[in-house]
Amino acid sequence: MSDPTGERPASNGYHKGPLLLRRGQVPVTTTDQRLLARGGGDADWVHADPWRVLRIQSEFVEGFGALAEVGPAVSVFGSARTKPDAPDYRRGVDVGRGLAEAGFAVITGGGPGIMEAANRGASEAGGLSIGLGIELPFEQGMNQWVDLGVHFRYFFARKTMFVKYAQGFVVLPGGFGTFDELFESLTLVQTHKVTEFPIVLVGTAYWQGLIDWLRGPVLEAGTISATDLDLIHLVDDPAEAVRIVCERDAELRAEEEAAVAENAAAEQAAARASRRDSFRP
């Protein structure tokens, strides 16, 4: 993310797949930008785009391979611009620590600000701290608290990893990137594309205006249902955010165990019935 002052921030290097680039080697466009460009008046894109599919495929394969065995995890979203002396940074550390102590790996975008805070809290608590980096024009690199880092060229591949390996989402104050991740998570849960994982917003002063807008004009226009708002939990205390995630995880585990037991009972009943039928003359 670029610095809000317009100046180029200090960088740990620009990652382009497995490559590390610095100074004059940093490209002025990103892989996402080139993918989405129409290509002007020539037809070179007809030949180039099919090959991009292989690169996209490799991102999914590498991401799945790196994260398949992380165990229970929670994705934490928030601004890259939050300074270490800000209250929200402290909340991020507390969220990461609380999740790690509860047995969850912590997944962030791997950058500075809130992402660094959550990774730091998880790492200091002895938990697994994961960073999913993204290719950006002025990249600041993975923060030092990431234990397992994966770099992506494409936002959509990275966002899949945020969702696929998470049992919940905790969202601290952030900007457009955070809003994108928040509403993608809400959409996936609302449409039942993923299990109804908890989505917790931390920071009433920051998020209350959004909630009021959803409960007001959006709900009144009929573009969402009142029950959709139940998907969002708004808290100030990091410990409360962790508690909500833990309680919902326990509920989901109980539901899964009940479903497994029910299926096993049905299979046993079917087997007994089959054996009875085999002895009939």
C-alpha atoms as a PDB file:
ATOM      1  CA  MET A   1       0.000   0.000   0.000  1.00  0.00           C
ATOM      2  CA  SER A   2       1.344   3.429  -0.856  1.00  0.00           C
ATOM      3  CA  ASP A   3       2.081   5.937   1.849  1.00  0.00           C
ATOM      4  CA  PRO A   4      -0.823   8.363   2.446  1.00  0.00           C
ATOM      5  CA  THR A   5       1.621  11.283   2.107  1.00  0.00           C
ATOM      6  CA  GLY A   6       2.375  10.259  -1.473  1.00  0.00           C
ATOM      7  CA  GLU A   7       5.989   9.471  -0.681  1.00  0.00           C
ATOM      8  CA  ARG A   8       7.430   6.078  -1.428  1.00  0.00           C
ATOM      9  CA  PRO A   9       7.701   4.153   1.873  1.00  0.00           C
ATOM     10  CA  ALA A  10      10.759   2.293   3.045  1.00  0.00           C
ATOM     11  CA  SER A  11      10.699  -1.170   1.465  1.00  0.00           C
ATOM     12  CA  ASN A  12      11.983  -4.631   2.284  1.00  0.00           C
ATOM     13  CA  GLY A  13      11.775  -5.485  -1.392  1.00  0.00           C
ATOM     14  CA  TYR A  14       9.193  -6.160  -4.080  1.00  0.00           C
ATOM     15  CA  HIS A  15       8.105  -9.755  -4.484  1.00  0.00           C
ATOM     16  CA  LYS A  16       7.162 -11.014  -7.939  1.00  0.00           C
ATOM     17  CA  GLY A  17       6.375 -14.660  -7.411  1.00  0.00           C
ATOM     18  CA  PRO A  18       9.639 -16.228  -6.201  1.00  0.00           C
ATOM     19  CA  LEU A  19      11.657 -13.144  -7.253  1.00  0.00           C
ATOM     20  CA  LEU A  20      12.800 -10.372  -4.905  1.00  0.00           C
ATOM     21  CA  LEU A  21      13.235  -7.017  -6.687  1.00  0.00           C
ATOM     22  CA  ARG A  22      14.527  -3.688  -5.373  1.00  0.00           C
ATOM     23  CA  ARG A  23      15.210  -0.148  -6.607  1.00  0.00           C
ATOM     24  CA  GLY A  24      15.285   0.097 -10.414  1.00  0.00           C
ATOM     25  CA  GLN A  25      14.082  -3.481 -10.866  1.00  0.00           C
ATOM     26  CA  VAL A  26      10.645  -2.778  -9.365  1.00  0.00           C
ATOM     27  CA  PRO A  27       8.010  -2.767 -12.181  1.00  0.00           C
ATOM     28  CA  VAL A  28       5.561   0.104 -12.543  1.00  0.00           C
ATOM     29  CA  THR A  29       2.558  -2.204 -13.084  1.00  0.00           C
ATOM     30  CA  THR A  30       1.309  -5.265 -11.193  1.00  0.00           C
ATOM     31  CA  THR A  31       0.363  -8.707 -12.465  1.00  0.00           C
ATOM     32  CA  ASP A  32      -3.303  -8.048 -11.614  1.00  0.00           C
ATOM     33  CA  GLN A  33      -3.192  -4.808 -13.598  1.00  0.00           C
ATOM     34  CA  ARG A  34      -1.720  -6.515 -16.636  1.00  0.00           C
ATOM     35  CA  LEU A  35      -4.235  -9.350 -16.410  1.00  0.00           C
ATOM     36  CA  LEU A  36      -7.195  -6.955 -16.373  1.00  0.00           C
ATOM     37  CA  ALA A  37      -5.857  -4.636 -19.105  1.00  0.00           C
ATOM     38  CA  ARG A  38      -7.619  -4.981 -22.469  1.00  0.00           C
ATOM     39  CA  GLY A  39      -4.366  -4.787 -24.417  1.00  0.00           C
ATOM     40  CA  GLY A  40      -4.947  -1.824 -26.734  1.00  0.00           C
ATOM     41  CA  GLY A  41      -5.552  -2.441 -30.411  1.00  0.00           C
ATOM     42  CA  ASP A  42      -3.480  -5.562 -30.968  1.00  0.00           C
ATOM     43  CA  ALA A  43      -4.389  -9.184 -30.355  1.00  0.00           C
ATOM     44  CA  ASP A  44      -1.352 -10.222 -28.301  1.00  0.00           C
ATOM     45  CA  TRP A  45      -3.616 -10.840 -25.300  1.00  0.00           C
ATOM     46  CA  VAL A  46      -5.281 -13.714 -27.195  1.00  0.00           C
ATOM     47  CA  HIS A  47      -2.003 -15.585 -27.013  1.00  0.00           C
ATOM     48  CA  ALA A  48      -0.826 -14.332 -23.592  1.00  0.00           C
ATOM     49  CA  ASP A  49      -3.947 -14.791 -21.446  1.00  0.00           C
ATOM     50  CA  PRO A  50      -4.222 -18.585 -21.813  1.00  0.00           C
ATOM     51  CA  TRP A  51      -0.694 -18.900 -20.439  1.00  0.00           C
ATOM     52  CA  ARG A  52      -1.624 -16.742 -17.475  1.00  0.00           C
ATOM     53  CA  VAL A  53      -4.010 -19.503 -16.449  1.00  0.00           C
ATOM     54  CA  LEU A  54      -1.007 -21.666 -15.610  1.00  0.00           C
ATOM     55  CA  ARG A  55       0.438 -18.939 -13.398  1.00  0.00           C
ATOM     56  CA  ILE A  56      -2.917 -18.505 -11.667  1.00  0.00           C
ATOM     57  CA  GLN A  57      -3.126 -22.251 -11.190  1.00  0.00           C
ATOM     58  CA  SER A  58       0.342 -22.298  -9.649  1.00  0.00           C
ATOM     59  CA  GLU A  59      -0.712 -19.668  -7.086  1.00  0.00           C
ATOM     60  CA  PHE A  60      -3.600 -21.811  -5.935  1.00  0.00           C
ATOM     61  CA  VAL A  61      -1.439 -24.939  -5.826  1.00  0.00           C
ATOM     62  CA  GLU A  62       1.307 -23.197  -3.826  1.00  0.00           C
ATOM     63  CA  GLY A  63      -1.216 -21.611  -1.452  1.00  0.00           C
ATOM     64  CA  PHE A  64      -3.098 -24.848  -0.843  1.00  0.00           C
ATOM     65  CA  GLY A  65       0.158 -26.711  -0.307  1.00  0.00           C
ATOM     66  CA  ALA A  66       1.501 -24.171   2.169  1.00  0.00           C
ATOM     67  CA  LEU A  67      -1.679 -23.852   4.249  1.00  0.00           C
ATOM     68  CA  ALA A  68      -3.283 -27.297   4.077  1.00  0.00           C
ATOM     69  CA  GLU A  69      -1.924 -28.408   7.458  1.00  0.00           C
ATOM     70  CA  VAL A  70      -2.171 -25.216   9.525  1.00  0.00           C
ATOM     71  CA  GLY A  71      -5.167 -26.482  11.508  1.00  0.00           C
ATOM     72  CA  PRO A  72      -7.856 -24.183  12.947  1.00  0.00           C
ATOM     73  CA  ALA A  73      -7.198 -20.573  11.952  1.00  0.00           C
ATOM     74  CA  VAL A  74      -8.787 -17.132  12.025  1.00  0.00           C
ATOM     75  CA  SER A  75      -8.223 -14.358   9.482  1.00  0.00           C
ATOM     76  CA  VAL A  76      -7.600 -10.887  10.933  1.00  0.00           C
ATOM     77  CA  PHE A  77      -8.071  -7.845   8.683  1.00  0.00           C
ATOM     78  CA  GLY A  78      -7.155  -4.197   9.262  1.00  0.00           C
ATOM     79  CA  SER A  79      -5.255  -1.182   8.025  1.00  0.00           C
ATOM     80  CA  ALA A  80      -1.615  -1.280   6.953  1.00  0.00           C
ATOM     81  CA  ARG A  81      -1.308   2.388   7.991  1.00  0.00           C
ATOM     82  CA  THR A  82      -1.931   1.960  11.719  1.00  0.00           C
ATOM     83  CA  LYS A  83       1.120   3.039  13.724  1.00  0.00           C
ATOM     84  CA  PRO A  84       2.603   0.906  16.531  1.00  0.00           C
ATOM     85  CA  ASP A  85       1.702   3.527  19.153  1.00  0.00           C
ATOM     86  CA  ALA A  86      -1.995   3.616  18.134  1.00  0.00           C
ATOM     87  CA  PRO A  87      -4.686   2.021  20.337  1.00  0.00           C
ATOM     88  CA  ASP A  88      -5.888  -0.082  17.401  1.00  0.00           C
ATOM     89  CA  TYR A  89      -2.407  -1.584  17.059  1.00  0.00           C
ATOM     90  CA  ARG A  90      -2.565  -2.642  20.695  1.00  0.00           C
ATOM     91  CA  ARG A  91      -5.987  -4.186  20.096  1.00  0.00           C
ATOM     92  CA  GLY A  92      -4.567  -6.055  17.127  1.00  0.00           C
ATOM     93  CA  VAL A  93      -1.807  -7.497  19.289  1.00  0.00           C
ATOM     94  CA  ASP A  94      -4.356  -8.548  21.902  1.00  0.00           C
ATOM     95  CA  VAL A  95      -6.571 -10.186  19.263  1.00  0.00           C
ATOM     96  CA  GLY A  96      -3.641 -12.136  17.830  1.00  0.00           C
ATOM     97  CA  ARG A  97      -2.479 -13.222  21.266  1.00  0.00           C
ATOM     98  CA  GLY A  98      -5.963 -14.252  22.379  1.00  0.00           C
ATOM     99  CA  LEU A  99      -6.590 -16.290  19.248  1.00  0.00           C
ATOM    100  CA  ALA A 100      -3.223 -18.051  19.560  1.00  0.00           C
ATOM    101  CA  GLU A 101      -3.844 -18.861  23.207  1.00  0.00           C
ATOM    102  CA  ALA A 102      -7.221 -20.313  22.178  1.00  0.00           C
ATOM    103  CA  GLY A 103      -5.461 -22.670  19.761  1.00  0.00           C
ATOM    104  CA  PHE A 104      -5.965 -20.820  16.462  1.00  0.00           C
ATOM    105  CA  ALA A 105      -3.382 -19.923  13.858  1.00  0.00           C
ATOM    106  CA  VAL A 106      -3.633 -16.248  12.883  1.00  0.00           C
ATOM    107  CA  ILE A 107      -3.790 -15.292   9.189  1.00  0.00           C
ATOM    108  CA  THR A 108      -3.200 -11.706   8.028  1.00  0.00           C
ATOM    109  CA  GLY A 109      -2.082  -9.950   4.874  1.00  0.00           C
ATOM    110  CA  GLY A 110       1.449 -10.052   6.259  1.00  0.00           C
ATOM    111  CA  GLY A 111       2.074  -6.313   6.013  1.00  0.00           C
ATOM    112  CA  PRO A 112       2.528  -3.526   8.580  1.00  0.00           C
ATOM    113  CA  GLY A 113      -0.077  -1.877  10.802  1.00  0.00           C
ATOM    114  CA  ILE A 114      -2.927  -4.026  12.101  1.00  0.00           C
ATOM    115  CA  MET A 115      -1.582  -7.012  10.184  1.00  0.00           C
ATOM    116  CA  GLU A 116       1.752  -6.764  11.947  1.00  0.00           C
ATOM    117  CA  ALA A 117       0.005  -6.304  15.281  1.00  0.00           C
ATOM    118  CA  ALA A 118      -2.052  -9.496  14.949  1.00  0.00           C
ATOM    119  CA  ASN A 119       0.954 -11.471  13.714  1.00  0.00           C
ATOM    120  CA  ARG A 120       2.988 -10.110  16.608  1.00  0.00           C
ATOM    121  CA  GLY A 121       0.405 -11.096  19.206  1.00  0.00           C
ATOM    122  CA  ALA A 122       0.145 -14.610  17.775  1.00  0.00           C
ATOM    123  CA  SER A 123       3.917 -15.051  17.561  1.00  0.00           C
ATOM    124  CA  GLU A 124       4.588 -13.749  21.072  1.00  0.00           C
ATOM    125  CA  ALA A 125       1.960 -16.166  22.411  1.00  0.00           C
ATOM    126  CA  GLY A 126       3.676 -19.098  20.706  1.00  0.00           C
ATOM    127  CA  GLY A 127       1.003 -19.564  18.053  1.00  0.00           C
ATOM    128  CA  LEU A 128       1.352 -19.953  14.305  1.00  0.00           C
ATOM    129  CA  SER A 129       1.556 -16.529  12.640  1.00  0.00           C
ATOM    130  CA  ILE A 130       0.729 -16.542   8.905  1.00  0.00           C
ATOM    131  CA  GLY A 131       1.086 -13.761   6.342  1.00  0.00           C
ATOM    132  CA  LEU A 132      -0.438 -13.746   2.860  1.00  0.00           C
ATOM    133  CA  GLY A 133       1.431 -11.049   0.967  1.00  0.00           C
ATOM    134  CA  ILE A 134       0.372  -9.400  -2.293  1.00  0.00           C
ATOM    135  CA  GLU A 135       2.271  -7.830  -5.186  1.00  0.00           C
ATOM    136  CA  LEU A 136       1.791  -4.046  -4.989  1.00  0.00           C
ATOM    137  CA  PRO A 137       3.639  -1.144  -6.673  1.00  0.00           C
ATOM    138  CA  PHE A 138       5.251   0.003  -3.407  1.00  0.00           C
ATOM    139  CA  GLU A 139       5.427  -3.093  -1.253  1.00  0.00           C
ATOM    140  CA  GLN A 140       6.694  -3.000   2.306  1.00  0.00           C
ATOM    141  CA  GLY A 141       7.336  -6.724   2.556  1.00  0.00           C
ATOM    142  CA  MET A 142       6.354  -9.282   5.163  1.00  0.00           C
ATOM    143  CA  ASN A 143       6.446  -8.060   8.726  1.00  0.00           C
ATOM    144  CA  GLN A 144       8.989  -9.663  11.030  1.00  0.00           C
ATOM    145  CA  TRP A 145       6.352 -11.522  13.069  1.00  0.00           C
ATOM    146  CA  VAL A 146       5.243 -13.812  10.227  1.00  0.00           C
ATOM    147  CA  ASP A 147       6.295 -17.448  10.710  1.00  0.00           C
ATOM    148  CA  LEU A 148       4.759 -18.770   7.489  1.00  0.00           C
ATOM    149  CA  GLY A 149       4.519 -16.370   4.567  1.00  0.00           C
ATOM    150  CA  VAL A 150       3.074 -16.840   1.090  1.00  0.00           C
ATOM    151  CA  HIS A 151       3.323 -14.178  -1.631  1.00  0.00           C
ATOM    152  CA  PHE A 152       0.607 -13.800  -4.257  1.00  0.00           C
ATOM    153  CA  ARG A 153       0.412 -11.981  -7.570  1.00  0.00           C
ATOM    154  CA  TYR A 154      -3.379 -12.055  -7.798  1.00  0.00           C
ATOM    155  CA  PHE A 155      -5.808 -10.655  -5.250  1.00  0.00           C
ATOM    156  CA  PHE A 156      -8.469 -13.269  -5.993  1.00  0.00           C
ATOM    157  CA  ALA A 157      -6.098 -16.163  -5.286  1.00  0.00           C
ATOM    158  CA  ARG A 158      -4.987 -14.545  -2.030  1.00  0.00           C
ATOM    159  CA  LYS A 159      -8.574 -13.852  -0.931  1.00  0.00           C
ATOM    160  CA  THR A 160      -9.464 -17.500  -1.481  1.00  0.00           C
ATOM    161  CA  MET A 161      -6.762 -18.478   1.017  1.00  0.00           C
ATOM    162  CA  PHE A 162      -8.067 -15.992   3.591  1.00  0.00           C
ATOM    163  CA  VAL A 163     -11.450 -17.712   3.460  1.00  0.00           C
ATOM    164  CA  LYS A 164     -10.627 -21.363   2.813  1.00  0.00           C
ATOM    165  CA  TYR A 165      -8.457 -21.857   5.884  1.00  0.00           C
ATOM    166  CA  ALA A 166     -10.332 -19.662   8.389  1.00  0.00           C
ATOM    167  CA  GLN A 167     -12.896 -20.564  11.044  1.00  0.00           C
ATOM    168  CA  GLY A 168     -13.745 -16.920  11.610  1.00  0.00           C
ATOM    169  CA  PHE A 169     -12.939 -13.342  10.667  1.00  0.00           C
ATOM    170  CA  VAL A 170     -11.923 -10.512  12.992  1.00  0.00           C
ATOM    171  CA  VAL A 171     -11.908  -7.061  11.405  1.00  0.00           C
ATOM    172  CA  LEU A 172     -10.225  -4.034  12.940  1.00  0.00           C
ATOM    173  CA  PRO A 173     -10.361  -0.487  11.526  1.00  0.00           C
ATOM    174  CA  GLY A 174      -9.078  -0.241   7.976  1.00  0.00           C
ATOM    175  CA  GLY A 175      -9.596   1.257   4.540  1.00  0.00           C
ATOM    176  CA  PHE A 176     -10.710   0.046   1.126  1.00  0.00           C
ATOM    177  CA  GLY A 177      -8.756  -3.213   1.311  1.00  0.00           C
ATOM    178  CA  THR A 178     -10.272  -4.029   4.696  1.00  0.00           C
ATOM    179  CA  PHE A 179     -13.765  -3.136   3.446  1.00  0.00           C
ATOM    180  CA  ASP A 180     -13.259  -5.424   0.456  1.00  0.00           C
ATOM    181  CA  GLU A 181     -12.251  -8.330   2.684  1.00  0.00           C
ATOM    182  CA  LEU A 182     -15.091  -7.641   5.124  1.00  0.00           C
ATOM    183  CA  PHE A 183     -17.850  -7.539   2.507  1.00  0.00           C
ATOM    184  CA  GLU A 184     -16.466 -10.527   0.621  1.00  0.00           C
ATOM    185  CA  SER A 185     -16.630 -12.514   3.881  1.00  0.00           C
ATOM    186  CA  LEU A 186     -20.162 -11.279   4.590  1.00  0.00           C
ATOM    187  CA  THR A 187     -21.295 -12.180   1.076  1.00  0.00           C
ATOM    188  CA  LEU A 188     -19.852 -15.692   1.258  1.00  0.00           C
ATOM    189  CA  VAL A 189     -21.455 -16.371   4.642  1.00  0.00           C
ATOM    190  CA  GLN A 190     -24.797 -14.798   3.681  1.00  0.00           C
ATOM    191  CA  THR A 191     -25.033 -16.854   0.481  1.00  0.00           C
ATOM    192  CA  HIS A 192     -23.901 -20.033   2.300  1.00  0.00           C
ATOM    193  CA  LYS A 193     -20.858 -20.395   0.073  1.00  0.00           C
ATOM    194  CA  VAL A 194     -18.940 -20.966   3.300  1.00  0.00           C
ATOM    195  CA  THR A 195     -20.019 -22.217   6.716  1.00  0.00           C
ATOM    196  CA  GLU A 196     -21.590 -19.542   8.902  1.00  0.00           C
ATOM    197  CA  PHE A 197     -18.352 -18.449  10.518  1.00  0.00           C
ATOM    198  CA  PRO A 198     -18.402 -15.478  12.919  1.00  0.00           C
ATOM    199  CA  ILE A 199     -17.522 -12.037  11.582  1.00  0.00           C
ATOM    200  CA  VAL A 200     -16.443  -9.721  14.397  1.00  0.00           C
ATOM    201  CA  LEU A 201     -15.810  -5.993  14.006  1.00  0.00           C
ATOM    202  CA  VAL A 202     -13.543  -4.516  16.687  1.00  0.00           C
ATOM    203  CA  GLY A 203     -13.969  -0.798  17.422  1.00  0.00           C
ATOM    204  CA  THR A 204     -17.468   0.602  17.983  1.00  0.00           C
ATOM    205  CA  ALA A 205     -16.446   4.206  17.354  1.00  0.00           C
ATOM    206  CA  TYR A 206     -15.051   3.274  13.951  1.00  0.00           C
ATOM    207  CA  TRP A 207     -17.669   0.792  12.718  1.00  0.00           C
ATOM    208  CA  GLN A 208     -20.909   2.132  14.242  1.00  0.00           C
ATOM    209  CA  GLY A 209     -21.562   4.480  11.315  1.00  0.00           C
ATOM    210  CA  LEU A 210     -21.405   1.559   8.900  1.00  0.00           C
ATOM    211  CA  ILE A 211     -23.785  -0.489  11.045  1.00  0.00           C
ATOM    212  CA  ASP A 212     -26.215   2.461  11.271  1.00  0.00           C
ATOM    213  CA  TRP A 213     -26.130   2.831   7.477  1.00  0.00           C
ATOM    214  CA  LEU A 214     -26.843  -0.885   6.998  1.00  0.00           C
ATOM    215  CA  ARG A 215     -29.679  -0.831   9.538  1.00  0.00           C
ATOM    216  CA  GLY A 216     -31.056   2.410   8.056  1.00  0.00           C
ATOM    217  CA  PRO A 217     -31.066   3.145   4.307  1.00  0.00           C
ATOM    218  CA  VAL A 218     -29.855  -0.292   3.197  1.00  0.00           C
ATOM    219  CA  LEU A 219     -32.365  -2.304   5.226  1.00  0.00           C
ATOM    220  CA  GLU A 220     -35.179   0.170   4.513  1.00  0.00           C
ATOM    221  CA  ALA A 221     -34.539  -0.169   0.775  1.00  0.00           C
ATOM    222  CA  GLY A 222     -34.982  -3.910   1.089  1.00  0.00           C
ATOM    223  CA  THR A 223     -31.579  -4.695  -0.395  1.00  0.00           C
ATOM    224  CA  ILE A 224     -30.670  -6.809   2.643  1.00  0.00           C
ATOM    225  CA  SER A 225     -32.725  -8.704   5.217  1.00  0.00           C
ATOM    226  CA  ALA A 226     -32.811  -7.974   8.930  1.00  0.00           C
ATOM    227  CA  THR A 227     -31.337 -11.421   9.589  1.00  0.00           C
ATOM    228  CA  ASP A 228     -28.300 -10.529   7.468  1.00  0.00           C
ATOM    229  CA  LEU A 229     -27.270  -8.039  10.136  1.00  0.00           C
ATOM    230  CA  ASP A 230     -27.080 -10.873  12.660  1.00  0.00           C
ATOM    231  CA  LEU A 231     -23.965 -12.062  10.825  1.00  0.00           C
ATOM    232  CA  ILE A 232     -22.019  -9.105  12.233  1.00  0.00           C
ATOM    233  CA  HIS A 233     -20.803  -8.843  15.824  1.00  0.00           C
ATOM    234  CA  LEU A 234     -19.612  -5.412  17.003  1.00  0.00           C
ATOM    235  CA  VAL A 235     -17.299  -5.253  20.040  1.00  0.00           C
ATOM    236  CA  ASP A 236     -14.633  -3.096  21.615  1.00  0.00           C
ATOM    237  CA  ASP A 237     -12.860  -5.669  23.763  1.00  0.00           C
ATOM    238  CA  PRO A 238     -10.395  -7.978  21.931  1.00  0.00           C
ATOM    239  CA  ALA A 239     -11.162 -10.687  24.492  1.00  0.00           C
ATOM    240  CA  GLU A 240     -14.850 -10.491  23.541  1.00  0.00           C
ATOM    241  CA  ALA A 241     -13.925 -10.926  19.865  1.00  0.00           C
ATOM    242  CA  VAL A 242     -11.918 -14.046  20.719  1.00  0.00           C
ATOM    243  CA  ARG A 243     -14.763 -15.386  22.883  1.00  0.00           C
ATOM    244  CA  ILE A 244     -17.274 -15.044  20.026  1.00  0.00           C
ATOM    245  CA  VAL A 245     -14.955 -16.891  17.637  1.00  0.00           C
ATOM    246  CA  CYS A 246     -14.345 -19.663  20.171  1.00  0.00           C
ATOM    247  CA  GLU A 247     -18.032 -20.130  20.997  1.00  0.00           C
ATOM    248  CA  ARG A 248     -19.052 -20.331  17.350  1.00  0.00           C
ATOM    249  CA  ASP A 249     -16.205 -22.748  16.617  1.00  0.00           C
ATOM    250  CA  ALA A 250     -17.404 -24.983  19.473  1.00  0.00           C
ATOM    251  CA  GLU A 251     -20.967 -24.869  18.090  1.00  0.00           C
ATOM    252  CA  LEU A 252     -19.778 -25.824  14.605  1.00  0.00           C
ATOM    253  CA  ARG A 253     -17.696 -28.688  15.972  1.00  0.00           C
ATOM    254  CA  ALA A 254     -20.676 -29.977  17.960  1.00  0.00           C
ATOM    255  CA  GLU A 255     -22.904 -29.763  14.876  1.00  0.00           C
ATOM    256  CA  GLU A 256     -20.303 -31.608  12.817  1.00  0.00           C
ATOM    257  CA  GLU A 257     -19.924 -34.353  15.438  1.00  0.00           C
ATOM    258  CA  ALA A 258     -23.704 -34.727  15.649  1.00  0.00           C
ATOM    259  CA  ALA A 259     -23.938 -35.022  11.863  1.00  0.00           C
ATOM    260  CA  VAL A 260     -21.179 -37.646  11.804  1.00  0.00           C
ATOM    261  CA  ALA A 261     -22.907 -39.646  14.564  1.00  0.00           C
ATOM    262  CA  GLU A 262     -26.247 -39.418  12.756  1.00  0.00           C
ATOM    263  CA  ASN A 263     -24.703 -40.645   9.502  1.00  0.00           C
ATOM    264  CA  ALA A 264     -22.959 -43.503  11.302  1.00  0.00           C
ATOM    265  CA  ALA A 265     -26.217 -44.557  12.981  1.00  0.00           C
ATOM    266  CA  ALA A 266     -28.025 -44.487   9.648  1.00  0.00           C
ATOM    267  CA  GLU A 267     -25.322 -46.621   8.028  1.00  0.00           C
ATOM    268  CA  GLN A 268     -25.470 -49.141  10.879  1.00  0.00           C
ATOM    269  CA  ALA A 269     -29.262 -49.335  10.626  1.00  0.00           C
ATOM    270  CA  ALA A 270     -29.020 -49.895   6.878  1.00  0.00           C
ATOM    271  CA  ALA A 271     -26.423 -52.639   7.398  1.00  0.00           C
ATOM    272  CA  ARG A 272     -28.631 -54.400   9.977  1.00  0.00           C
ATOM    273  CA  ALA A 273     -31.607 -54.219   7.636  1.00  0.00           C
ATOM    274  CA  SER A 274     -29.503 -55.635   4.815  1.00  0.00           C
ATOM    275  CA  ARG A 275     -28.380 -58.551   6.977  1.00  0.00           C
ATOM    276  CA  ARG A 276     -31.988 -59.303   7.987  1.00  0.00           C
ATOM    277  CA  ASP A 277     -33.053 -59.305   4.367  1.00  0.00           C
ATOM    278  CA  SER A 278     -30.242 -61.714   3.425  1.00  0.00           C
ATOM    279  CA  PHE A 279     -31.592 -64.351   5.881  1.00  0.00           C
ATOM    280  CA  ARG A 280     -35.162 -64.246   4.585  1.00  0.00           C
ATOM    281  CA  PRO A 281     -36.213 -67.272   2.501  1.00  0.00           C
END
